[in-house]
Amino acid sequence: MTTSTNTGAALPTTCDVLIVGAGFGGLYMLHKLRQLGFDAHVIEAAAGVGGTWYWNRYPGARCDIESIQYSYSFDDELQQEWNWSERYAAQPEILAYAEHVADRFGLRSGITFSTRVTATTYDAARNLWMIDTDRGAQVNARFCIAAVGCLSTPQVPSWPGVENFAGEIYHPGAWPHEGVDLRGKRVAVIGTGSSGIQIISAIADEVEHLTVFQRTPTFAFPAHNRPLSPEDLAAAKARYSEIREAARRAPQGRAFATEGRPLLGDTPDQRDEVLRRYWAMGGLDFTKAYDDISSVLEADAVAADFVRDRISEVVQDPAKREVLLPRGHPISAKRPCLEINYFASFNRPNVEIVDVRANPIVEVTATGIRTTAATHDVDVIIVATGYDAMTGTLLRLGVVGRDGVALTEAWAAGPRTYLGVLVDGFPNFFIVAGPGSPSVFSNVILAIEQHVDWISDLLTFARSAEADLVEADPAAAQEWTAHVTDIGERTFLSLGNSWYRGANIPGKPQVVMPYVGGTHVYRDKCDAVAAAGYPGVSISRHRGATVLPQT
């Protein structure tokens, strides 16, 4: 599937609202603000739209939310005209969808591509954000909105000797757009999270030898991906309003099947029948089959044993099977993954797995990877070690707020936000799907839409009040962040070292970053704040602020 030709816009010197990022958040933010009459502009580091789906072009890249739900809901004509080809769309199709949205709504005229933000500084005297770029140009904007995504800064561990490796090294989040020919090569994949699982499945049958380096085994569920028939699409489109409303009222922003009762209330035979039925359905609904799988350790243990039994039925080699069986943490303590022939890949004689928890990586040599137990010679290393999630890209924007305080300083002990949208001490600065909101713990596109609508309503409210200074109250931000942390620590996330907590980044404060109290609960809270006139937000008129020229 091809994408349309990029025709971006020149970088302005001023605008009402400067948006950073042209992924799904930035695209909808631009469209919404234009509709409301704001002079908005987007800066995007990539040469095209799509955000994570622009960069992640690795073999097997695919969404784990069903296509029908992983899409915009703000325009019914868009919903009706776009036809998804598969239950779980692959990267090229999702990127083509983003390109289609950009073209359909004429958004490219408001986006400057191939431009990276290097500094974002608040000028209190003028009540303006000064956004510096790697082009040497600066944009002055009244409001700045970061729509940079939660998984957009690759994390690459600094193994000793990596600079000496004579072969090729790739990260899934920075995959060459021209592709990589792995046929007949000896390949190492480090990491068995979502990207690693997808890559392993996609390349196992084309490489000469595949060595998988795994630290923590993953609870992965069968995707049972399939083409969507015309009948499937027609049925979904006829029910789109119902599907969307169910998703908005669901804990994680997607409609799902459930028995609606606790596992512990069923007999062993009943449990087995239900779990087998959900396993056969495929997808992440397995974790929602019963109400208590994600909240009661005894129920989780039953479901986890079931998953290990299914893995054991697939993986034939006892030694490989033992390494691949996930143990030591509840299913929901880490991000569950979907798999397409992942476990079956290890039945191939050219695929081996190395347990780096038992035998850590010592160094990267000129010819491969050495662990405490052996040296593995390879031609290519794929570093599927994840991202500096939630905060990594935000902190790299060089944000400096009131009184010269940098965001890196303000968040030294972990992110502090009000509703995941506003940051106290950083006036007129907003985050789409930021820490302290459901974001990655939700169907992120619906989470994005909710944030864009809420921010847009807040800006419209301020404009109607002839106010141009919007800032979170410190007490409100502190209270909300404490609430987010408290809820997170009372869930299974407190029992696993996951990127939800920043555990994959050395030295990063380990706190639960997304709001996990339920997307529907969060939406109701945001709606209540808006209906009450935005308590917790200071909205005022800045005296002596610079008047921006109108374009």
Protein backbone atom coordinates (compact mmCIF):
# COMPACT_ATOMS: atom_id res chain seq x y z
CA MET A 1 0.00 0.00 0.00
CA THR A 2 1.45 3.34 -1.01
CA THR A 3 1.19 6.64 0.78
CA SER A 4 0.46 9.99 -0.78
CA THR A 5 3.08 12.55 -1.62
CA ASN A 6 4.05 14.81 1.25
CA THR A 7 3.30 18.49 0.71
CA GLY A 8 3.87 20.26 4.00
CA ALA A 9 3.83 23.93 4.94
CA ALA A 10 6.45 26.53 5.66
CA LEU A 11 7.26 27.23 9.29
CA PRO A 12 5.42 30.32 10.56
CA THR A 13 6.98 32.83 12.91
CA THR A 14 3.85 33.15 15.04
CA CYS A 15 0.59 31.31 15.66
CA ASP A 16 -2.08 31.00 18.33
CA VAL A 17 -1.33 27.33 19.00
CA LEU A 18 1.80 25.39 18.17
CA ILE A 19 1.30 21.61 18.17
CA VAL A 20 4.30 19.28 18.34
CA GLY A 21 3.73 16.00 16.54
CA ALA A 22 1.68 14.89 13.53
CA GLY A 23 0.58 11.49 14.75
CA PHE A 24 -3.05 10.73 15.50
CA GLY A 25 -3.05 13.26 18.35
CA GLY A 26 -1.54 16.12 16.39
CA LEU A 27 -3.70 15.53 13.32
CA TYR A 28 -6.97 15.65 15.21
CA MET A 29 -5.78 18.56 17.36
CA LEU A 30 -5.02 20.61 14.25
CA HIS A 31 -8.35 19.74 12.65
CA LYS A 32 -10.35 20.53 15.78
CA LEU A 33 -8.65 23.87 16.47
CA ARG A 34 -9.05 24.97 12.87
CA GLN A 35 -12.77 24.24 13.13
CA LEU A 36 -12.91 26.48 16.20
CA GLY A 37 -11.14 29.36 14.47
CA PHE A 38 -7.71 29.11 16.11
CA ASP A 39 -4.57 29.76 14.09
CA ALA A 40 -2.85 26.43 14.74
CA HIS A 41 0.27 24.87 13.27
CA VAL A 42 2.07 21.54 13.66
CA ILE A 43 5.80 20.81 13.77
CA GLU A 44 6.71 17.22 12.92
CA ALA A 45 10.17 15.61 13.06
CA ALA A 46 9.29 12.99 10.46
CA ALA A 47 8.88 13.55 6.75
CA GLY A 48 5.24 12.52 6.93
CA VAL A 49 2.23 12.03 9.20
CA GLY A 50 1.42 8.98 11.26
CA GLY A 51 3.61 9.25 14.35
CA THR A 52 4.54 5.82 15.65
CA TRP A 53 3.14 4.24 12.49
CA TYR A 54 5.47 6.34 10.37
CA TRP A 55 8.57 5.15 12.22
CA ASN A 56 7.74 1.55 13.14
CA ARG A 57 8.09 -0.19 9.79
CA TYR A 58 9.72 -3.34 11.10
CA PRO A 59 8.68 -6.79 9.83
CA GLY A 60 5.36 -7.86 11.31
CA ALA A 61 4.42 -4.44 12.75
CA ARG A 62 0.72 -4.58 13.56
CA CYS A 63 -1.77 -3.05 15.99
CA ASP A 64 -3.14 -5.17 18.84
CA ILE A 65 -6.44 -3.25 19.02
CA GLU A 66 -8.97 -4.34 16.42
CA SER A 67 -8.96 -2.08 13.38
CA ILE A 68 -12.63 -1.22 13.67
CA GLN A 69 -11.91 0.33 17.08
CA TYR A 70 -8.36 1.61 16.44
CA SER A 71 -9.61 4.50 14.34
CA TYR A 72 -11.09 7.96 14.69
CA SER A 73 -14.69 8.32 15.80
CA PHE A 74 -15.08 12.10 15.40
CA ASP A 75 -16.41 11.98 11.83
CA ASP A 76 -19.03 9.44 10.80
CA GLU A 77 -18.41 9.92 7.08
CA LEU A 78 -14.77 8.99 7.68
CA GLN A 79 -15.87 5.88 9.58
CA GLN A 80 -18.20 4.85 6.79
CA GLU A 81 -15.84 5.45 3.88
CA TRP A 82 -12.71 3.72 5.19
CA ASN A 83 -12.53 -0.06 4.72
CA TRP A 84 -10.12 -1.97 6.93
CA SER A 85 -8.77 -5.13 5.30
CA GLU A 86 -7.90 -7.15 8.43
CA ARG A 87 -9.10 -7.71 11.97
CA TYR A 88 -5.76 -6.32 13.20
CA ALA A 89 -4.32 -3.83 10.74
CA ALA A 90 -0.66 -3.94 9.76
CA GLN A 91 1.58 -0.87 9.82
CA PRO A 92 1.29 0.04 6.10
CA GLU A 93 -2.50 0.13 6.31
CA ILE A 94 -2.56 2.22 9.50
CA LEU A 95 -0.08 4.66 7.97
CA ALA A 96 -2.22 4.85 4.83
CA TYR A 97 -5.22 5.65 7.06
CA ALA A 98 -3.32 8.51 8.71
CA GLU A 99 -2.31 9.79 5.27
CA HIS A 100 -5.93 9.58 4.15
CA VAL A 101 -7.10 11.60 7.16
CA ALA A 102 -4.45 14.26 6.54
CA ASP A 103 -5.50 14.56 2.89
CA ARG A 104 -9.25 14.32 3.48
CA PHE A 105 -9.26 17.22 5.93
CA GLY A 106 -6.57 19.27 4.19
CA LEU A 107 -4.23 19.15 7.15
CA ARG A 108 -0.86 19.20 5.38
CA SER A 109 -1.14 22.94 4.83
CA GLY A 110 -0.78 23.33 8.59
CA ILE A 111 2.16 20.96 9.14
CA THR A 112 5.89 21.62 8.79
CA PHE A 113 7.66 18.29 8.30
CA SER A 114 11.26 17.19 8.82
CA THR A 115 11.65 19.71 11.63
CA ARG A 116 12.61 18.83 15.19
CA VAL A 117 11.94 20.96 18.27
CA THR A 118 15.15 21.69 20.17
CA ALA A 119 13.90 24.02 22.92
CA THR A 120 10.50 25.10 24.24
CA THR A 121 10.72 28.13 26.51
CA TYR A 122 8.00 30.16 28.22
CA ASP A 123 8.46 33.93 28.10
CA ALA A 124 6.48 35.20 31.11
CA ALA A 125 6.77 38.87 30.18
CA ARG A 126 5.14 38.31 26.80
CA ASN A 127 3.06 35.27 27.80
CA LEU A 128 4.40 33.37 24.80
CA TRP A 129 6.04 30.04 24.16
CA MET A 130 9.23 30.30 22.10
CA ILE A 131 9.75 27.07 20.19
CA ASP A 132 13.22 26.64 18.68
CA THR A 133 13.85 24.16 15.91
CA ASP A 134 16.77 22.39 14.30
CA ARG A 135 16.20 24.57 11.26
CA GLY A 136 17.47 27.53 13.26
CA ALA A 137 14.03 29.13 13.15
CA GLN A 138 11.82 30.04 16.11
CA VAL A 139 8.03 30.05 16.41
CA ASN A 140 6.26 32.21 18.98
CA ALA A 141 2.91 30.84 20.11
CA ARG A 142 0.41 31.71 22.80
CA PHE A 143 -0.27 28.04 23.52
CA CYS A 144 1.91 24.96 23.03
CA ILE A 145 0.45 21.46 22.81
CA ALA A 146 2.70 18.39 22.97
CA ALA A 147 1.21 15.55 20.92
CA VAL A 148 4.46 13.61 20.75
CA GLY A 149 3.17 10.15 21.59
CA CYS A 150 3.96 7.86 24.51
CA LEU A 151 6.18 5.38 22.67
CA SER A 152 8.32 7.48 20.39
CA THR A 153 11.81 7.63 21.92
CA PRO A 154 13.65 4.32 21.41
CA GLN A 155 15.49 2.85 24.37
CA VAL A 156 18.81 1.19 23.51
CA PRO A 157 20.84 -0.24 26.42
CA SER A 158 24.51 0.69 26.42
CA TRP A 159 26.19 -2.70 26.33
CA PRO A 160 29.98 -2.67 26.47
CA GLY A 161 31.59 -3.02 23.05
CA VAL A 162 28.49 -2.25 21.00
CA GLU A 163 30.48 0.29 18.97
CA ASN A 164 32.78 -2.54 17.84
CA PHE A 165 30.07 -4.65 16.23
CA ALA A 166 30.88 -5.13 12.56
CA GLY A 167 27.34 -5.99 11.50
CA GLU A 168 24.07 -4.06 11.38
CA ILE A 169 22.06 -2.86 14.39
CA TYR A 170 18.42 -1.78 14.21
CA HIS A 171 15.71 -0.65 16.61
CA PRO A 172 12.07 -1.32 15.61
CA GLY A 173 11.18 2.34 16.24
CA ALA A 174 13.80 3.57 13.78
CA TRP A 175 13.49 0.91 11.09
CA PRO A 176 14.90 1.87 7.68
CA HIS A 177 12.07 2.86 5.36
CA GLU A 178 13.66 1.03 2.47
CA GLY A 179 13.48 -2.16 4.50
CA VAL A 180 16.19 -4.59 5.58
CA ASP A 181 17.03 -7.79 3.73
CA LEU A 182 17.48 -10.46 6.41
CA ARG A 183 17.32 -13.47 4.14
CA GLY A 184 20.04 -16.00 4.85
CA LYS A 185 21.53 -13.97 7.70
CA ARG A 186 22.24 -14.79 11.32
CA VAL A 187 20.02 -12.49 13.32
CA ALA A 188 19.74 -11.68 17.02
CA VAL A 189 16.54 -10.23 18.46
CA ILE A 190 16.97 -8.77 21.94
CA GLY A 191 13.64 -8.41 23.70
CA THR A 192 10.33 -10.28 23.64
CA GLY A 193 7.80 -7.53 24.18
CA SER A 194 5.25 -6.64 21.52
CA SER A 195 7.74 -5.53 18.83
CA GLY A 196 10.09 -8.44 19.47
CA ILE A 197 7.27 -10.97 19.27
CA GLN A 198 6.05 -9.55 15.97
CA ILE A 199 9.53 -9.43 14.44
CA ILE A 200 10.42 -12.97 15.53
CA SER A 201 7.23 -14.34 13.99
CA ALA A 202 7.80 -12.45 10.74
CA ILE A 203 11.44 -13.36 10.09
CA ALA A 204 11.89 -16.84 11.57
CA ASP A 205 11.38 -18.62 8.27
CA GLU A 206 13.66 -16.39 6.18
CA VAL A 207 16.80 -16.00 8.27
CA GLU A 208 19.57 -18.59 8.41
CA HIS A 209 19.59 -18.56 12.19
CA LEU A 210 17.61 -16.58 14.76
CA THR A 211 18.84 -16.13 18.32
CA VAL A 212 16.28 -14.63 20.68
CA PHE A 213 17.58 -13.00 23.86
CA GLN A 214 14.82 -12.90 26.45
CA ARG A 215 14.84 -11.37 29.91
CA THR A 216 11.18 -11.85 30.89
CA PRO A 217 8.79 -14.34 29.23
CA THR A 218 5.63 -12.72 27.91
CA PHE A 219 1.98 -13.59 28.38
CA ALA A 220 0.94 -13.52 24.73
CA PHE A 221 -2.48 -14.42 23.40
CA PRO A 222 -3.36 -15.65 19.91
CA ALA A 223 -4.53 -12.84 17.64
CA HIS A 224 -6.39 -15.12 15.24
CA ASN A 225 -6.04 -12.37 12.69
CA ARG A 226 -8.10 -12.70 9.54
CA PRO A 227 -9.32 -10.66 6.58
CA LEU A 228 -12.45 -8.60 7.13
CA SER A 229 -15.17 -9.52 4.68
CA PRO A 230 -17.62 -7.02 3.16
CA GLU A 231 -20.20 -8.49 5.53
CA ASP A 232 -17.93 -7.88 8.53
CA LEU A 233 -17.42 -4.25 7.53
CA ALA A 234 -21.10 -3.63 6.82
CA ALA A 235 -22.09 -5.06 10.20
CA ALA A 236 -19.53 -2.93 12.02
CA LYS A 237 -20.46 0.25 10.17
CA ALA A 238 -24.13 -0.29 10.94
CA ARG A 239 -23.26 -0.49 14.65
CA TYR A 240 -20.49 2.09 14.85
CA SER A 241 -22.32 4.43 17.21
CA GLU A 242 -23.06 1.52 19.55
CA ILE A 243 -19.46 0.26 19.36
CA ARG A 244 -18.04 3.70 20.11
CA GLU A 245 -20.34 4.32 23.05
CA ALA A 246 -19.48 0.94 24.55
CA ALA A 247 -15.78 1.75 24.13
CA ARG A 248 -16.16 5.13 25.83
CA ARG A 249 -17.84 3.48 28.80
CA ALA A 250 -15.33 0.61 29.00
CA PRO A 251 -12.41 0.55 31.48
CA GLN A 252 -9.75 0.55 28.76
CA GLY A 253 -11.46 2.42 25.96
CA ARG A 254 -12.49 -0.50 23.79
CA ALA A 255 -15.61 -2.61 23.57
CA PHE A 256 -14.87 -6.18 24.63
CA ALA A 257 -16.57 -9.49 25.32
CA THR A 258 -16.91 -10.59 28.93
CA GLU A 259 -18.79 -13.11 31.03
CA GLY A 260 -19.48 -10.33 33.53
CA ARG A 261 -18.85 -12.48 36.57
CA PRO A 262 -15.86 -13.58 38.69
CA LEU A 263 -13.78 -16.60 37.72
CA LEU A 264 -13.64 -17.69 41.34
CA GLY A 265 -17.41 -18.16 41.35
CA ASP A 266 -17.28 -20.83 38.63
CA THR A 267 -16.40 -24.50 38.90
CA PRO A 268 -13.10 -25.72 37.38
CA ASP A 269 -15.00 -27.20 34.42
CA GLN A 270 -16.88 -23.97 33.83
CA ARG A 271 -13.65 -21.96 34.00
CA ASP A 272 -11.97 -24.22 31.49
CA GLU A 273 -14.88 -23.93 29.05
CA VAL A 274 -14.94 -20.14 29.28
CA LEU A 275 -11.18 -19.66 29.00
CA ARG A 276 -10.99 -22.03 26.02
CA ARG A 277 -13.78 -20.14 24.31
CA TYR A 278 -12.01 -16.79 24.76
CA TRP A 279 -8.69 -18.30 23.70
CA ALA A 280 -10.37 -19.51 20.49
CA MET A 281 -11.83 -16.02 19.92
CA GLY A 282 -8.36 -14.52 20.06
CA GLY A 283 -7.30 -11.04 21.10
CA LEU A 284 -6.94 -9.23 24.39
CA ASP A 285 -10.51 -10.08 25.44
CA PHE A 286 -9.03 -13.14 27.17
CA THR A 287 -7.94 -10.88 30.04
CA LYS A 288 -11.53 -9.61 30.35
CA ALA A 289 -13.27 -12.99 30.17
CA TYR A 290 -13.86 -12.81 33.90
CA ASP A 291 -14.14 -9.71 36.08
CA ASP A 292 -11.45 -10.76 38.52
CA ILE A 293 -8.59 -11.99 36.28
CA SER A 294 -6.92 -8.58 36.38
CA SER A 295 -7.61 -7.80 40.02
CA VAL A 296 -7.55 -10.95 42.19
CA LEU A 297 -4.32 -12.94 42.43
CA GLU A 298 -6.07 -16.28 42.87
CA ALA A 299 -8.12 -15.71 39.70
CA ASP A 300 -5.04 -14.54 37.82
CA ALA A 301 -3.20 -17.70 38.86
CA VAL A 302 -5.91 -19.87 37.28
CA ALA A 303 -5.81 -17.88 34.03
CA ALA A 304 -1.99 -17.85 34.02
CA ASP A 305 -1.87 -21.64 34.42
CA PHE A 306 -4.25 -21.92 31.49
CA VAL A 307 -1.99 -19.74 29.32
CA ARG A 308 1.09 -21.76 30.26
CA ASP A 309 -0.75 -24.96 29.34
CA ARG A 310 -1.60 -23.57 25.90
CA ILE A 311 2.01 -22.49 25.32
CA SER A 312 3.20 -25.92 26.39
CA GLU A 313 0.92 -27.53 23.80
CA VAL A 314 2.63 -25.53 21.04
CA VAL A 315 6.34 -25.48 21.98
CA GLN A 316 7.78 -28.96 21.42
CA ASP A 317 11.29 -28.65 22.80
CA PRO A 318 11.20 -28.98 26.63
CA ALA A 319 14.21 -26.70 27.14
CA LYS A 320 12.79 -23.92 24.95
CA ARG A 321 9.37 -24.37 26.50
CA GLU A 322 10.73 -23.90 30.00
CA VAL A 323 12.37 -20.60 29.05
CA LEU A 324 9.26 -19.32 27.26
CA LEU A 325 6.73 -20.03 30.02
CA PRO A 326 5.89 -16.74 31.80
CA ARG A 327 6.14 -16.92 35.57
CA GLY A 328 6.79 -14.66 38.50
CA HIS A 329 4.27 -11.91 37.77
CA PRO A 330 0.51 -11.63 37.16
CA ILE A 331 -0.72 -11.43 33.60
CA SER A 332 -1.69 -7.76 33.90
CA ALA A 333 1.51 -6.67 35.65
CA LYS A 334 2.99 -6.06 32.20
CA ARG A 335 1.59 -5.17 28.80
CA PRO A 336 -0.16 -8.31 27.44
CA CYS A 337 0.73 -9.04 23.81
CA LEU A 338 -0.88 -10.69 20.82
CA GLU A 339 0.96 -13.28 18.79
CA ILE A 340 0.71 -14.81 15.33
CA ASN A 341 2.76 -18.05 15.24
CA TYR A 342 5.22 -16.62 17.79
CA PHE A 343 5.45 -19.69 20.01
CA ALA A 344 5.34 -21.99 16.98
CA SER A 345 8.43 -20.20 15.63
CA PHE A 346 10.51 -21.88 18.34
CA ASN A 347 9.72 -25.28 16.87
CA ARG A 348 11.96 -24.38 13.96
CA PRO A 349 15.49 -25.78 14.23
CA ASN A 350 17.00 -22.44 13.20
CA VAL A 351 15.44 -20.58 16.15
CA GLU A 352 17.01 -20.66 19.61
CA ILE A 353 16.24 -18.76 22.79
CA VAL A 354 18.69 -17.44 25.35
CA ASP A 355 17.58 -16.71 28.90
CA VAL A 356 19.46 -13.51 29.73
CA ARG A 357 18.09 -13.44 33.24
CA ALA A 358 20.07 -16.62 33.91
CA ASN A 359 22.88 -15.70 31.52
CA PRO A 360 23.12 -11.91 31.16
CA ILE A 361 24.63 -10.16 28.16
CA VAL A 362 28.23 -9.27 29.03
CA GLU A 363 29.26 -7.45 25.89
CA VAL A 364 28.76 -6.97 22.19
CA THR A 365 31.79 -8.13 20.26
CA ALA A 366 32.85 -7.43 16.69
CA THR A 367 31.08 -10.62 15.58
CA GLY A 368 28.13 -10.93 17.93
CA ILE A 369 26.89 -11.08 21.51
CA ARG A 370 28.60 -12.67 24.50
CA THR A 371 26.66 -13.75 27.57
CA THR A 372 28.00 -15.26 30.77
CA ALA A 373 27.46 -18.69 29.22
CA ALA A 374 28.35 -18.44 25.53
CA THR A 375 29.22 -16.27 22.53
CA HIS A 376 26.66 -15.98 19.73
CA ASP A 377 27.99 -14.86 16.35
CA VAL A 378 25.44 -12.89 14.33
CA ASP A 379 25.28 -10.61 11.30
CA VAL A 380 22.39 -8.41 12.49
CA ILE A 381 21.25 -7.29 15.93
CA ILE A 382 17.66 -6.10 16.35
CA VAL A 383 17.32 -4.22 19.63
CA ALA A 384 13.64 -4.65 20.54
CA THR A 385 14.16 -3.18 23.99
CA GLY A 386 11.28 -0.74 23.95
CA TYR A 387 11.01 2.98 24.55
CA ASP A 388 11.51 5.69 27.12
CA ALA A 389 7.75 5.59 27.51
CA MET A 390 5.30 8.30 28.50
CA THR A 391 7.84 10.98 29.45
CA GLY A 392 10.93 10.38 27.30
CA THR A 393 9.96 12.44 24.28
CA LEU A 394 8.30 15.18 26.36
CA LEU A 395 11.48 15.72 28.36
CA ARG A 396 13.52 15.91 25.15
CA LEU A 397 11.56 18.95 23.96
CA GLY A 398 13.66 21.14 26.24
CA VAL A 399 10.60 22.54 27.99
CA VAL A 400 11.33 25.42 30.39
CA GLY A 401 8.41 27.02 32.18
CA ARG A 402 7.79 29.79 34.67
CA ASP A 403 10.83 31.15 36.57
CA GLY A 404 13.21 29.19 34.34
CA VAL A 405 12.22 25.80 35.78
CA ALA A 406 12.83 22.97 33.32
CA LEU A 407 10.33 20.14 32.96
CA THR A 408 13.17 17.71 33.67
CA GLU A 409 13.61 19.42 37.05
CA ALA A 410 9.90 19.62 37.83
CA TRP A 411 9.52 15.91 37.06
CA ALA A 412 12.73 14.72 38.71
CA ALA A 413 10.72 12.48 41.07
CA GLY A 414 8.27 11.44 38.35
CA PRO A 415 5.67 13.19 36.19
CA ARG A 416 3.21 15.55 37.91
CA THR A 417 0.18 16.69 35.94
CA TYR A 418 -3.40 17.76 36.38
CA LEU A 419 -5.57 15.20 34.60
CA GLY A 420 -2.57 14.25 32.48
CA VAL A 421 -3.17 17.41 30.43
CA LEU A 422 -1.76 20.42 32.30
CA VAL A 423 1.47 20.93 34.25
CA ASP A 424 1.63 23.44 37.07
CA GLY A 425 4.36 26.03 36.52
CA PHE A 426 4.05 25.66 32.74
CA PRO A 427 1.28 28.07 31.65
CA ASN A 428 -0.50 27.49 28.34
CA PHE A 429 1.28 24.14 27.90
CA PHE A 430 -0.84 21.06 27.25
CA ILE A 431 -0.16 17.37 26.72
CA VAL A 432 -2.23 14.98 24.61
CA ALA A 433 -2.39 11.49 26.15
CA GLY A 434 0.24 12.33 28.72
CA PRO A 435 1.26 10.72 32.02
CA GLY A 436 -1.55 10.89 34.54
CA SER A 437 -4.17 10.04 31.91
CA PRO A 438 -5.31 6.63 30.55
CA SER A 439 -3.28 7.06 27.31
CA VAL A 440 -1.39 3.78 26.76
CA PHE A 441 -3.65 1.95 29.23
CA SER A 442 -6.51 2.55 26.82
CA ASN A 443 -7.43 2.41 23.18
CA VAL A 444 -5.12 5.33 22.58
CA ILE A 445 -7.06 6.86 19.68
CA LEU A 446 -10.19 7.27 21.77
CA ALA A 447 -8.00 8.60 24.59
CA ILE A 448 -6.51 11.10 22.13
CA GLU A 449 -9.92 12.23 20.92
CA GLN A 450 -11.13 12.79 24.47
CA HIS A 451 -8.06 14.91 25.28
CA VAL A 452 -8.26 16.93 22.08
CA ASP A 453 -11.93 17.70 22.68
CA TRP A 454 -11.29 18.64 26.32
CA ILE A 455 -8.32 20.90 25.52
CA SER A 456 -10.25 22.53 22.68
CA ASP A 457 -13.21 23.20 24.95
CA LEU A 458 -10.88 24.70 27.58
CA LEU A 459 -9.25 27.01 25.04
CA THR A 460 -12.66 28.05 23.75
CA PHE A 461 -13.82 28.71 27.31
CA ALA A 462 -10.75 30.87 27.96
CA ARG A 463 -11.25 32.76 24.71
CA SER A 464 -14.88 33.49 25.54
CA ALA A 465 -13.72 34.86 28.91
CA GLU A 466 -11.11 37.00 27.10
CA ALA A 467 -8.44 35.10 29.01
CA ASP A 468 -5.10 34.10 27.57
CA LEU A 469 -3.37 32.48 30.55
CA VAL A 470 -4.30 28.89 31.45
CA GLU A 471 -2.40 27.01 34.13
CA ALA A 472 -2.88 24.09 36.49
CA ASP A 473 -3.10 24.93 40.17
CA PRO A 474 -0.18 23.31 42.03
CA ALA A 475 -2.45 21.80 44.68
CA ALA A 476 -4.73 20.30 42.05
CA ALA A 477 -1.77 18.80 40.16
CA GLN A 478 -0.32 17.38 43.36
CA GLU A 479 -3.65 15.89 44.41
CA TRP A 480 -4.30 14.35 41.00
CA THR A 481 -0.82 12.86 40.76
CA ALA A 482 -1.15 11.34 44.23
CA HIS A 483 -4.48 9.85 43.16
CA VAL A 484 -2.95 8.37 39.98
CA THR A 485 -0.08 6.88 41.97
CA ASP A 486 -2.33 5.47 44.68
CA ILE A 487 -4.60 3.70 42.20
CA GLY A 488 -1.65 2.38 40.22
CA GLU A 489 0.08 0.96 43.27
CA ARG A 490 -3.09 -0.92 44.23
CA THR A 491 -3.13 -2.81 40.93
CA PHE A 492 -1.04 -5.65 39.52
CA LEU A 493 1.22 -3.03 37.92
CA SER A 494 2.93 -2.72 41.29
CA LEU A 495 3.99 -6.38 40.99
CA GLY A 496 5.95 -6.17 37.72
CA ASN A 497 8.91 -4.22 36.37
CA SER A 498 7.26 -2.78 33.29
CA TRP A 499 7.66 0.30 31.11
CA TYR A 500 4.36 1.51 32.58
CA ARG A 501 6.50 2.23 35.65
CA GLY A 502 9.64 3.34 33.81
CA ALA A 503 11.46 0.19 34.96
CA ASN A 504 13.16 -0.29 31.58
CA ILE A 505 15.12 2.98 31.87
CA PRO A 506 18.10 3.05 34.26
CA GLY A 507 17.71 5.82 36.81
CA LYS A 508 14.15 6.71 35.83
CA PRO A 509 11.77 7.23 38.80
CA GLN A 510 9.61 4.14 39.10
CA VAL A 511 6.02 5.25 39.43
CA VAL A 512 2.89 4.06 37.63
CA MET A 513 2.57 6.71 34.92
CA PRO A 514 -0.80 6.09 33.22
CA TYR A 515 -4.11 6.53 35.02
CA VAL A 516 -5.44 2.99 35.50
CA GLY A 517 -8.67 3.74 37.34
CA GLY A 518 -10.72 3.27 34.18
CA THR A 519 -11.09 5.28 31.00
CA HIS A 520 -14.78 5.77 31.71
CA VAL A 521 -14.09 7.02 35.24
CA TYR A 522 -11.44 9.40 33.90
CA ARG A 523 -13.77 10.70 31.19
CA ASP A 524 -16.47 11.41 33.77
CA LYS A 525 -13.94 13.28 35.94
CA CYS A 526 -12.81 15.46 33.03
CA ASP A 527 -16.41 16.16 32.03
CA ALA A 528 -17.24 17.14 35.60
CA VAL A 529 -14.29 19.53 35.76
CA ALA A 530 -15.36 21.19 32.53
CA ALA A 531 -19.01 21.44 33.62
CA ALA A 532 -17.96 23.13 36.87
CA GLY A 533 -15.94 25.81 35.08
CA TYR A 534 -12.54 24.09 35.34
CA PRO A 535 -11.73 23.95 39.06
CA GLY A 536 -8.06 23.19 39.49
CA VAL A 537 -7.21 25.41 36.50
CA SER A 538 -6.29 29.07 36.77
CA ILE A 539 -7.75 30.97 33.81
CA SER A 540 -6.91 34.67 33.65
CA ARG A 541 -5.92 37.62 31.50
CA HIS A 542 -2.21 38.29 31.28
CA ARG A 543 -1.49 41.98 31.56
CA GLY A 544 0.99 43.27 29.02
CA ALA A 545 1.02 40.10 26.91
CA THR A 546 2.29 40.42 23.37
CA VAL A 547 -0.46 40.56 20.77
CA LEU A 548 0.20 38.04 18.03
CA PRO A 549 -0.37 39.16 14.44
CA GLN A 550 -3.29 37.46 12.74
CA THR A 551 -2.54 35.51 9.57
